[in-house]
Amino acid sequence: MSTLQLLAMLLALSVTLHIGCAAAFTAWRGGTSPAKALLIGASATSTACALYLTAVGDYR
């Protein structure tokens, strides 16, 4: 794995984690329980990561 590929993967991980944290925080502030907010954040993170990896796979 080249340095550029590694940096791209780290950037993707960072972005997906930020999306998940924002979704969880928004859900929690919206009135859901912390456990449900955590599940919402985790699903947002996995969805964003899957979309990114699908896009990379189709690009190649």
N, C-alpha and C. Protein backbone atom coordinates (compact mmCIF):
# COMPACT_ATOMS: atom_id res chain seq x y z
N MET A 1 0.85 -1.17 0.00
CA MET A 1 0.00 0.00 0.00
C MET A 1 0.90 1.24 0.00
N SER A 2 0.62 2.13 -0.91
CA SER A 2 1.45 3.33 -1.02
C SER A 2 1.06 4.35 0.06
N THR A 3 1.89 5.33 0.20
CA THR A 3 1.63 6.38 1.18
C THR A 3 0.36 7.15 0.83
N LEU A 4 0.15 7.40 -0.45
CA LEU A 4 -1.04 8.12 -0.88
C LEU A 4 -2.32 7.33 -0.57
N GLN A 5 -2.29 6.03 -0.78
CA GLN A 5 -3.45 5.19 -0.48
C GLN A 5 -3.73 5.17 1.02
N LEU A 6 -2.66 5.11 1.80
CA LEU A 6 -2.83 5.10 3.25
C LEU A 6 -3.42 6.42 3.74
N LEU A 7 -2.95 7.52 3.21
CA LEU A 7 -3.50 8.82 3.61
C LEU A 7 -4.95 8.98 3.17
N ALA A 8 -5.29 8.45 2.01
CA ALA A 8 -6.68 8.51 1.55
C ALA A 8 -7.59 7.69 2.47
N MET A 9 -7.12 6.53 2.90
CA MET A 9 -7.92 5.72 3.82
C MET A 9 -8.08 6.39 5.17
N LEU A 10 -7.03 7.02 5.67
CA LEU A 10 -7.12 7.74 6.94
C LEU A 10 -8.06 8.93 6.83
N LEU A 11 -8.03 9.62 5.70
CA LEU A 11 -8.95 10.73 5.48
C LEU A 11 -10.39 10.23 5.45
N ALA A 12 -10.63 9.12 4.77
CA ALA A 12 -11.97 8.56 4.70
C ALA A 12 -12.46 8.14 6.08
N LEU A 13 -11.59 7.53 6.86
CA LEU A 13 -11.97 7.13 8.21
C LEU A 13 -12.30 8.35 9.07
N SER A 14 -11.51 9.38 8.94
CA SER A 14 -11.75 10.61 9.71
C SER A 14 -13.08 11.24 9.33
N VAL A 15 -13.36 11.32 8.04
CA VAL A 15 -14.61 11.93 7.59
C VAL A 15 -15.81 11.11 8.07
N THR A 16 -15.74 9.79 7.93
CA THR A 16 -16.87 8.97 8.35
C THR A 16 -17.10 9.03 9.85
N LEU A 17 -16.03 9.11 10.62
CA LEU A 17 -16.20 9.24 12.07
C LEU A 17 -16.81 10.59 12.44
N HIS A 18 -16.44 11.63 11.74
CA HIS A 18 -17.04 12.94 12.00
C HIS A 18 -18.53 12.94 11.64
N ILE A 19 -18.87 12.29 10.54
CA ILE A 19 -20.28 12.19 10.17
C ILE A 19 -21.06 11.42 11.24
N GLY A 20 -20.50 10.32 11.72
CA GLY A 20 -21.17 9.53 12.75
C GLY A 20 -21.33 10.28 14.05
N CYS A 21 -20.29 10.98 14.46
CA CYS A 21 -20.38 11.76 15.71
C CYS A 21 -21.40 12.88 15.60
N ALA A 22 -21.44 13.53 14.45
CA ALA A 22 -22.43 14.60 14.24
C ALA A 22 -23.85 14.04 14.26
N ALA A 23 -24.04 12.88 13.63
CA ALA A 23 -25.37 12.26 13.62
C ALA A 23 -25.79 11.83 15.02
N ALA A 24 -24.86 11.24 15.76
CA ALA A 24 -25.18 10.80 17.12
C ALA A 24 -25.49 11.99 18.02
N PHE A 25 -24.70 13.04 17.92
CA PHE A 25 -24.93 14.22 18.75
C PHE A 25 -26.26 14.88 18.40
N THR A 26 -26.56 14.97 17.11
CA THR A 26 -27.82 15.57 16.70
C THR A 26 -29.01 14.74 17.19
N ALA A 27 -28.90 13.43 17.09
CA ALA A 27 -29.99 12.57 17.57
C ALA A 27 -30.14 12.68 19.08
N TRP A 28 -29.03 12.73 19.79
CA TRP A 28 -29.09 12.83 21.25
C TRP A 28 -29.70 14.16 21.68
N ARG A 29 -29.29 15.24 21.02
CA ARG A 29 -29.85 16.55 21.36
C ARG A 29 -31.31 16.65 20.93
N GLY A 30 -31.71 15.80 19.98
CA GLY A 30 -33.10 15.79 19.53
C GLY A 30 -34.03 15.05 20.46
N GLY A 31 -33.48 14.38 21.46
CA GLY A 31 -34.33 13.76 22.47
C GLY A 31 -34.28 12.25 22.53
N THR A 32 -33.49 11.60 21.70
CA THR A 32 -33.41 10.15 21.80
C THR A 32 -32.49 9.76 22.96
N SER A 33 -32.60 8.54 23.38
CA SER A 33 -31.74 8.07 24.47
C SER A 33 -30.31 7.93 23.95
N PRO A 34 -29.34 7.98 24.87
CA PRO A 34 -27.93 7.87 24.42
C PRO A 34 -27.64 6.57 23.67
N ALA A 35 -28.27 5.47 24.05
CA ALA A 35 -28.02 4.20 23.35
C ALA A 35 -28.53 4.26 21.92
N LYS A 36 -29.72 4.82 21.72
CA LYS A 36 -30.25 4.95 20.36
C LYS A 36 -29.42 5.94 19.56
N ALA A 37 -28.97 7.00 20.19
CA ALA A 37 -28.13 7.98 19.49
C ALA A 37 -26.83 7.35 19.04
N LEU A 38 -26.27 6.48 19.87
CA LEU A 38 -25.04 5.79 19.51
C LEU A 38 -25.27 4.86 18.31
N LEU A 39 -26.40 4.17 18.30
CA LEU A 39 -26.72 3.30 17.16
C LEU A 39 -26.94 4.11 15.89
N ILE A 40 -27.56 5.25 16.01
CA ILE A 40 -27.76 6.12 14.85
C ILE A 40 -26.41 6.60 14.32
N GLY A 41 -25.53 7.00 15.21
CA GLY A 41 -24.20 7.44 14.80
C GLY A 41 -23.39 6.32 14.16
N ALA A 42 -23.50 5.13 14.71
CA ALA A 42 -22.78 3.98 14.14
C ALA A 42 -23.30 3.63 12.76
N SER A 43 -24.61 3.70 12.58
CA SER A 43 -25.16 3.39 11.26
C SER A 43 -24.79 4.47 10.24
N ALA A 44 -24.74 5.72 10.66
CA ALA A 44 -24.31 6.78 9.75
C ALA A 44 -22.85 6.60 9.37
N THR A 45 -22.02 6.21 10.33
CA THR A 45 -20.60 5.97 10.05
C THR A 45 -20.42 4.82 9.07
N SER A 46 -21.12 3.73 9.30
CA SER A 46 -20.96 2.57 8.41
C SER A 46 -21.51 2.86 7.02
N THR A 47 -22.59 3.61 6.93
CA THR A 47 -23.14 3.96 5.62
C THR A 47 -22.17 4.84 4.84
N ALA A 48 -21.60 5.84 5.50
CA ALA A 48 -20.66 6.73 4.82
C ALA A 48 -19.40 5.96 4.39
N CYS A 49 -18.94 5.07 5.23
CA CYS A 49 -17.75 4.27 4.89
C CYS A 49 -18.05 3.33 3.73
N ALA A 50 -19.22 2.72 3.73
CA ALA A 50 -19.59 1.83 2.63
C ALA A 50 -19.72 2.58 1.32
N LEU A 51 -20.29 3.78 1.37
CA LEU A 51 -20.40 4.58 0.15
C LEU A 51 -19.02 4.96 -0.38
N TYR A 52 -18.13 5.32 0.51
CA TYR A 52 -16.77 5.69 0.09
C TYR A 52 -16.05 4.49 -0.53
N LEU A 53 -16.12 3.35 0.12
CA LEU A 53 -15.43 2.18 -0.40
C LEU A 53 -16.05 1.69 -1.70
N THR A 54 -17.35 1.83 -1.86
CA THR A 54 -18.00 1.48 -3.11
C THR A 54 -17.54 2.40 -4.23
N ALA A 55 -17.44 3.68 -3.94
CA ALA A 55 -16.97 4.63 -4.94
C ALA A 55 -15.53 4.34 -5.35
N VAL A 56 -14.69 4.01 -4.39
CA VAL A 56 -13.31 3.68 -4.70
C VAL A 56 -13.24 2.40 -5.52
N GLY A 57 -14.04 1.43 -5.16
CA GLY A 57 -14.06 0.17 -5.90
C GLY A 57 -14.53 0.34 -7.33
N ASP A 58 -15.53 1.19 -7.54
CA ASP A 58 -16.02 1.44 -8.90
C ASP A 58 -15.04 2.26 -9.70
N TYR A 59 -14.27 3.10 -9.06
CA TYR A 59 -13.30 3.94 -9.75
C TYR A 59 -12.19 3.10 -10.35
N ARG A 60 -11.80 2.07 -9.64
CA ARG A 60 -10.72 1.19 -10.13
C ARG A 60 -11.28 0.33 -11.17
